[in-house]
Amino acid sequence: LASLPAAQASLPYAKPTVRFTPYSRLDTTSQNIVEDKLGYSEATWNNFGIARVEKKRWTSLTSNERDGANLLGFTEGTWDCFINHYEDFSWEELAEKGITQHY
C-alpha cells in the first residue's frame, strides 16, 4: 500500500477503476460483460448501489456473474470491498477477515 496515493493507502485493496468509469466510456466488450454477465444496464452501472448484483458477496455470485467480474479484473477482495461494500457480511465475518479496522 505504500505506493498508493494517500487517499487509497487506508483501503484494503486498490480501487478498481473500471467500476468508476461511466458506461459510455467503457469499450464495447466491457459493456457487453456488464450487461450480459452481471445484469447491469447503463442506468444501474452509472448509479452505484442499485444493481441487484451489488448486493451479493463474491461467494454468492453465480458462476456467470463471477466470470464477468473476473473478466473486468475483479477479485474476491475487490468485489466484496468496492462493489458489495461488505454489506452481505456480518460483523463477525468482517472481524475474521480483518476488515473491521476500516470501519
Protein backbone atom coordinates (compact mmCIF):
# COMPACT_ATOMS: atom_id res chain seq x y z
CA LEU A 1 0.00 0.00 0.00
CA ALA A 2 2.98 2.31 0.34
CA SER A 3 2.92 3.08 -3.38
CA LEU A 4 -0.78 4.03 -3.38
CA PRO A 5 -1.90 7.66 -3.22
CA ALA A 6 -2.65 8.79 0.35
CA ALA A 7 -6.43 8.58 -0.19
CA GLN A 8 -6.13 4.91 -1.11
CA ALA A 9 -3.45 3.94 1.40
CA SER A 10 -6.02 3.11 4.07
CA LEU A 11 -8.07 0.89 1.77
CA PRO A 12 -7.51 -2.87 1.91
CA TYR A 13 -7.39 -3.16 -1.93
CA ALA A 14 -6.55 -0.96 -4.89
CA LYS A 15 -9.59 0.82 -6.30
CA PRO A 16 -10.90 -0.97 -9.43
CA THR A 17 -11.02 1.89 -11.91
CA VAL A 18 -13.32 0.05 -14.32
CA ARG A 19 -16.23 0.30 -11.88
CA PHE A 20 -15.81 4.06 -11.64
CA THR A 21 -15.76 4.51 -15.42
CA PRO A 22 -19.03 5.84 -16.87
CA TYR A 23 -20.87 3.31 -19.02
CA SER A 24 -20.46 5.43 -22.16
CA ARG A 25 -16.66 5.35 -21.72
CA LEU A 26 -16.45 1.55 -21.41
CA ASP A 27 -15.36 -0.29 -24.53
CA THR A 28 -17.97 -2.44 -26.27
CA THR A 29 -16.59 -5.67 -24.81
CA SER A 30 -16.84 -4.32 -21.26
CA GLN A 31 -20.36 -3.00 -21.91
CA ASN A 32 -21.40 -6.48 -23.09
CA ILE A 33 -19.86 -8.08 -20.00
CA VAL A 34 -21.58 -5.73 -17.55
CA GLU A 35 -24.92 -6.26 -19.28
CA ASP A 36 -24.83 -9.95 -20.22
CA LYS A 37 -22.91 -11.44 -17.32
CA LEU A 38 -23.56 -9.04 -14.44
CA GLY A 39 -27.05 -7.78 -15.31
CA TYR A 40 -26.26 -4.08 -15.29
CA SER A 41 -27.99 -1.56 -17.53
CA GLU A 42 -26.44 1.77 -18.38
CA ALA A 43 -28.50 3.36 -15.58
CA THR A 44 -27.53 0.82 -12.92
CA TRP A 45 -23.86 0.94 -13.94
CA ASN A 46 -23.79 4.73 -13.67
CA ASN A 47 -25.62 4.79 -10.31
CA PHE A 48 -23.82 2.87 -7.60
CA GLY A 49 -25.63 0.55 -5.23
CA ILE A 50 -28.86 -0.06 -7.15
CA ALA A 51 -27.97 -3.13 -9.22
CA ARG A 52 -29.07 -6.43 -7.67
CA VAL A 53 -25.66 -7.98 -8.31
CA GLU A 54 -24.06 -5.40 -5.99
CA LYS A 55 -25.99 -6.83 -3.05
CA LYS A 56 -24.10 -10.13 -3.39
CA ARG A 57 -20.75 -11.01 -1.91
CA TRP A 58 -18.28 -12.76 -4.23
CA THR A 59 -19.15 -16.24 -3.00
CA SER A 60 -22.86 -15.60 -3.65
CA LEU A 61 -22.32 -14.67 -7.30
CA THR A 62 -23.38 -17.19 -9.91
CA SER A 63 -20.59 -18.72 -11.98
CA ASN A 64 -21.64 -16.47 -14.89
CA GLU A 65 -21.53 -13.36 -12.70
CA ARG A 66 -18.17 -14.36 -11.24
CA ASP A 67 -16.83 -14.96 -14.75
CA GLY A 68 -17.94 -11.48 -15.80
CA ALA A 69 -16.42 -9.93 -12.71
CA ASN A 70 -13.14 -11.75 -13.39
CA LEU A 71 -13.13 -10.56 -16.99
CA LEU A 72 -13.39 -6.99 -15.72
CA GLY A 73 -10.46 -7.56 -13.38
CA PHE A 74 -12.28 -8.07 -10.09
CA THR A 75 -11.12 -10.46 -7.42
CA GLU A 76 -12.99 -11.67 -4.38
CA GLY A 77 -11.37 -8.91 -2.34
CA THR A 78 -12.06 -6.05 -4.73
CA TRP A 79 -15.64 -7.20 -5.34
CA ASP A 80 -16.52 -7.55 -1.68
CA CYS A 81 -14.86 -4.23 -0.81
CA PHE A 82 -15.80 -1.90 -3.68
CA ILE A 83 -18.96 -3.46 -5.12
CA ASN A 84 -20.72 -5.17 -2.21
CA HIS A 85 -19.10 -2.85 0.37
CA TYR A 86 -19.20 -5.82 2.75
CA GLU A 87 -22.99 -5.34 3.10
CA ASP A 88 -23.54 -9.10 2.78
CA PHE A 89 -21.25 -9.83 5.78
CA SER A 90 -21.88 -10.00 9.49
CA TRP A 91 -19.61 -8.11 11.88
CA GLU A 92 -18.14 -11.42 12.99
CA GLU A 93 -17.24 -12.28 9.39
CA LEU A 94 -15.61 -8.88 8.94
CA ALA A 95 -13.58 -9.44 12.10
CA GLU A 96 -12.46 -12.86 10.81
CA LYS A 97 -11.30 -11.22 7.56
CA GLY A 98 -9.52 -8.46 9.45
CA ILE A 99 -11.66 -5.77 7.82
CA THR A 100 -13.14 -4.18 10.97
CA GLN A 101 -10.19 -1.80 11.23
CA HIS A 102 -11.53 0.00 8.13
CA TYR A 103 -14.91 0.76 9.75
